[in-house]
Protein backbone atom coordinates (compact mmCIF):
# COMPACT_ATOMS: atom_id res chain seq x y z
CA MET A 1 12.17 -27.67 -21.86
CA ARG A 2 14.05 -24.64 -22.98
CA HIS A 3 18.02 -23.71 -22.39
CA LEU A 4 19.66 -20.08 -21.93
CA GLN A 5 22.51 -19.51 -23.76
CA GLY A 6 22.89 -21.68 -27.13
CA GLY A 7 20.68 -24.60 -25.36
CA SER A 8 23.39 -25.46 -23.44
CA PRO A 9 22.01 -26.79 -19.40
CA HIS A 10 25.75 -26.00 -18.34
CA SER A 11 25.72 -21.75 -19.74
CA VAL A 12 25.28 -19.50 -17.35
CA PHE A 13 22.01 -18.22 -16.70
CA VAL A 14 21.70 -14.46 -16.65
CA ALA A 15 18.67 -12.61 -14.81
CA TYR A 16 17.78 -8.96 -13.51
CA ILE A 17 16.11 -6.58 -11.99
CA GLU A 18 14.92 -2.80 -13.25
CA ALA A 19 13.72 -0.71 -11.14
CA ARG A 20 11.90 2.62 -13.19
CA LYS A 21 10.57 5.62 -11.53
CA ARG A 22 7.07 7.25 -12.50
CA LYS A 23 6.02 10.74 -13.27
CA ASP A 24 4.09 9.87 -9.70
CA GLY A 25 6.85 8.90 -7.74
CA SER A 26 6.30 5.55 -7.79
CA VAL A 27 8.13 2.47 -8.79
CA THR A 28 7.78 0.10 -11.37
CA HIS A 29 10.05 -3.62 -11.17
CA TYR A 30 10.66 -5.17 -14.67
CA VAL A 31 12.84 -8.60 -14.54
CA ARG A 32 14.70 -9.01 -17.64
CA TRP A 33 16.21 -12.30 -19.44
CA ILE A 34 17.41 -13.68 -22.70
CA ASP A 35 14.81 -16.00 -24.64
CA PRO A 36 17.13 -19.48 -25.45
CA ASP A 37 15.27 -19.51 -28.85
CA THR A 38 15.78 -16.04 -30.00
CA LYS A 39 18.30 -14.82 -28.10
CA ALA A 40 16.47 -11.64 -27.30
CA THR A 41 15.90 -10.06 -24.23
CA VAL A 42 12.63 -10.80 -22.63
CA THR A 43 10.67 -8.33 -20.04
CA GLN A 44 7.82 -9.29 -17.49
CA LYS A 45 6.94 -6.33 -15.83
CA MET A 46 6.12 -7.25 -12.12
CA ASP A 47 3.70 -5.44 -9.92
CA SER A 48 6.03 -5.07 -6.85
CA GLU A 49 9.73 -5.28 -5.92
CA VAL A 50 8.37 -8.55 -4.23
CA SER A 51 6.76 -10.20 -6.91
CA ALA A 52 10.14 -9.43 -8.74
CA LYS A 53 12.47 -10.64 -6.82
CA PHE A 54 10.21 -13.87 -6.37
CA LEU A 55 10.81 -13.91 -10.33
CA LEU A 56 14.28 -13.68 -10.42
CA THR A 57 14.97 -16.40 -7.28
CA VAL A 58 12.98 -19.10 -9.90
CA LEU A 59 14.30 -17.88 -12.59
CA LYS A 60 18.00 -18.81 -11.04
CA ALA A 61 16.72 -21.41 -8.80
CA HIS A 62 16.17 -23.39 -12.15
CA GLY A 63 19.48 -22.70 -13.76
CA ASN A 64 18.38 -22.48 -17.32
CA ASN A 65 15.13 -24.19 -17.55
CA VAL A 66 13.04 -21.27 -18.14
CA ASP A 67 9.71 -23.17 -18.60
CA ALA A 68 9.77 -24.52 -15.72
CA ALA A 69 10.53 -21.25 -13.23
CA LEU A 70 7.87 -19.45 -15.08
CA ALA A 71 5.20 -22.77 -14.52
CA ASN A 72 6.33 -22.43 -10.83
CA ALA A 73 6.46 -18.48 -10.37
CA ILE A 74 2.85 -18.79 -12.19
CA ASP A 75 1.90 -21.89 -9.84
CA HIS A 76 3.24 -19.28 -6.82
CA PHE A 77 1.33 -16.28 -7.79
CA SER A 78 -1.97 -18.08 -8.38
CA GLY A 79 -1.99 -20.12 -5.00
CA VAL A 80 -1.08 -16.88 -2.56
CA TYR A 81 -3.53 -15.91 -0.70
CA THR A 82 -2.54 -12.17 -1.07
CA VAL A 83 -3.48 -8.63 0.27
CA THR A 84 -5.46 -8.06 -2.85
CA ARG A 85 -7.34 -11.09 -2.81
CA MET A 86 -8.13 -10.77 1.01
CA ILE A 87 -9.10 -7.26 0.81
CA GLU A 88 -11.58 -8.51 -2.59
CA ASP A 89 -13.15 -11.19 0.09
CA HIS A 90 -13.80 -8.78 2.92
CA ILE A 91 -15.62 -6.14 0.26
CA GLY A 92 -17.20 -9.01 -1.05
CA LEU A 93 -18.98 -9.93 2.81
CA LEU A 94 -20.24 -6.18 3.75
CA THR A 95 -24.10 -6.44 3.74
CA SER A 96 -24.75 -3.28 4.77
CA ALA A 97 -21.90 -0.91 2.35
CA ASN A 98 -24.44 1.01 0.27
CA GLY A 99 -22.51 0.62 -3.87
CA TYR A 100 -20.74 3.97 -3.75
CA THR A 101 -19.24 2.89 -0.56
CA ILE A 102 -17.95 -0.33 -2.29
CA ARG A 103 -17.04 1.44 -4.92
CA ARG A 104 -15.07 3.49 -3.01
CA TYR A 105 -13.94 0.77 -0.93
CA LYS A 106 -12.63 -0.69 -4.85
CA GLY A 107 -11.03 2.29 -5.60
CA ASN A 108 -8.85 2.22 -2.87
CA LEU A 109 -8.09 -1.14 -3.01
CA LYS A 110 -6.63 -0.16 -6.61
CA CYS A 111 -4.94 3.29 -6.28
CA HIS A 112 -3.13 2.28 -3.39
CA ILE A 113 -3.20 -1.47 -1.95
CA ALA A 114 -3.19 -3.94 -5.14
CA ALA A 115 0.30 -2.81 -6.65
CA THR A 116 2.52 -2.67 -3.47
CA LEU A 117 0.77 -3.99 -0.45
CA GLY A 118 -1.32 -6.15 -2.40
CA GLN A 119 1.29 -8.08 -4.19
CA ARG A 120 2.12 -10.36 -0.39
CA ASP A 121 0.76 -13.07 0.82
CA ALA A 122 -1.42 -12.25 3.52
CA ALA A 123 -0.30 -14.88 5.97
CA GLU A 124 3.00 -13.31 5.74
CA VAL A 125 2.22 -9.37 5.95
CA GLU A 126 4.12 -7.80 9.60
CA TYR A 127 3.84 -5.06 11.82
CA ARG A 128 6.51 -3.37 9.83
CA ASP A 129 5.43 -3.91 6.68
CA ILE A 130 1.80 -2.11 7.18
CA VAL A 131 4.33 0.76 8.53
CA ALA A 132 6.93 0.52 5.26
CA TRP A 133 3.43 0.80 3.45
CA ILE A 134 2.13 3.92 5.74
CA LYS A 135 5.67 5.72 5.12
CA SER A 136 5.11 5.08 0.97
CA MET A 137 1.93 7.08 1.15
CA GLN A 138 3.53 10.04 3.09
CA ALA A 139 5.43 9.82 0.29
CA LYS A 140 3.08 9.85 -2.20
CA GLU A 141 1.92 13.08 -0.57
CA LEU A 142 -1.63 11.75 0.63
CA SER A 143 -3.65 13.34 2.88
CA SER A 144 -3.74 11.56 6.66
CA LYS A 145 -7.76 11.59 5.81
CA THR A 146 -6.76 9.10 2.89
CA ILE A 147 -4.21 7.69 4.52
CA ALA A 148 -6.80 6.87 7.17
CA ASN A 149 -9.32 5.61 5.53
CA VAL A 150 -7.58 2.92 3.58
CA HIS A 151 -5.73 1.78 6.52
CA GLY A 152 -9.33 1.09 7.99
CA LEU A 153 -9.96 -0.54 4.82
CA LEU A 154 -7.05 -2.78 5.35
CA SER A 155 -7.10 -3.11 8.99
CA SER A 156 -11.02 -4.44 8.94
CA ALA A 157 -9.25 -6.66 5.56
CA PHE A 158 -7.35 -8.27 8.54
CA ASN A 159 -9.59 -8.39 11.08
CA SER A 160 -12.18 -10.64 8.84
CA MET A 161 -8.71 -12.68 7.99
CA VAL A 162 -8.58 -13.27 11.72
CA ARG A 163 -11.73 -14.20 12.32
CA ASP A 164 -11.63 -16.96 9.76
CA LYS A 165 -8.78 -18.22 11.53
CA ARG A 166 -6.67 -17.92 8.60
CA ARG A 167 -3.88 -15.72 10.44
CA PRO A 168 -3.20 -15.24 14.68
CA ASP A 169 -3.53 -11.32 14.51
CA ASN A 170 -3.80 -8.20 12.61
CA PRO A 171 -0.76 -6.55 11.87
CA CYS A 172 -2.25 -3.48 11.53
CA LYS A 173 -3.18 -3.19 15.31
CA GLY A 174 -0.96 -0.57 16.90
CA VAL A 175 0.24 1.29 14.42
CA SER A 176 0.67 5.21 14.44
CA LEU A 177 -1.12 6.89 11.71
CA PRO A 178 0.14 10.03 10.44
CA LYS A 179 -1.81 12.77 12.43
CA SER A 180 -3.21 15.44 10.30
CA ALA A 181 -1.00 19.31 9.47
CA GLU A 182 -4.47 21.47 9.82
CA GLU A 183 -4.71 23.91 12.67
CA LYS A 184 -7.83 22.86 14.64
CA ALA A 185 -9.21 26.64 15.39
CA THR A 186 -9.54 27.37 19.18
CA PHE A 187 -11.68 29.55 21.08
CA LEU A 188 -11.44 31.54 24.75
CA THR A 189 -13.34 30.23 27.78
CA PRO A 190 -15.72 33.05 29.03
CA THR A 191 -13.43 33.22 32.40
CA GLU A 192 -10.19 34.18 29.46
CA TRP A 193 -12.36 36.24 27.65
CA ALA A 194 -12.69 38.68 31.12
CA ALA A 195 -9.50 38.20 32.30
CA ILE A 196 -8.51 39.81 28.93
CA GLU A 197 -11.11 42.31 28.79
CA VAL A 198 -10.47 44.23 31.96
CA GLU A 199 -6.61 44.83 30.24
CA LEU A 200 -8.37 46.84 27.52
CA VAL A 201 -8.71 50.28 26.31
CA GLU A 202 -11.20 52.08 24.43
CA PRO A 203 -12.30 51.90 21.85
CA TYR A 204 -10.67 48.62 21.86
CA ARG A 205 -12.80 47.47 24.45
CA SER A 206 -15.55 48.04 22.57
CA PHE A 207 -14.30 46.69 19.11
CA PHE A 208 -13.06 43.10 20.31
CA THR A 209 -16.18 42.84 22.52
CA PHE A 210 -17.91 43.21 19.46
CA LEU A 211 -15.85 40.67 17.63
CA ILE A 212 -16.17 38.22 20.44
CA HIS A 213 -20.15 38.49 19.89
CA THR A 214 -20.41 38.23 16.45
CA VAL A 215 -18.67 35.04 15.83
């Protein structure tokens, strides 16, 4: 059994979380504490803030017993059915998707879910968690199409979990997705053009009539 601060079981345990922002705007979380043997600072990189807070809580709950704390954390993370595992299972059950689609799904999981929402317990994810995840995707300036595609994968995986009776509902249901900022082309109806045409004088009438019939 290892203890902090000179080996005394009554020493004050010191551990904290450090967040570092990457160039792409995402944030990496590190849990740091003092090794009881070397007195050096130990750093554990975590995939999400949720995971970092959990490890910090476990470390503090076990006081100076670092070994027990880490063993508890390992047991927890290996036993939790995370969102990442849920999506991996869902992809594995697909029978009609081709190789390209499977690779795209796995790529979306790795790039947009695994390091954030993917660390959460799939049974505990709620509507507000999905909304927060979508906002984090928007903060990365991803297109509305990309967000919709990844959300579709996430929602389908939750549907599979509901079908397997592993949770009662799909937290993605009812979530409003961002709309595309691209403006769609609109065209005049024949009636609208006729109303405009009678107001035009030559040579503009002939010119615009030519344009209308060449679009």
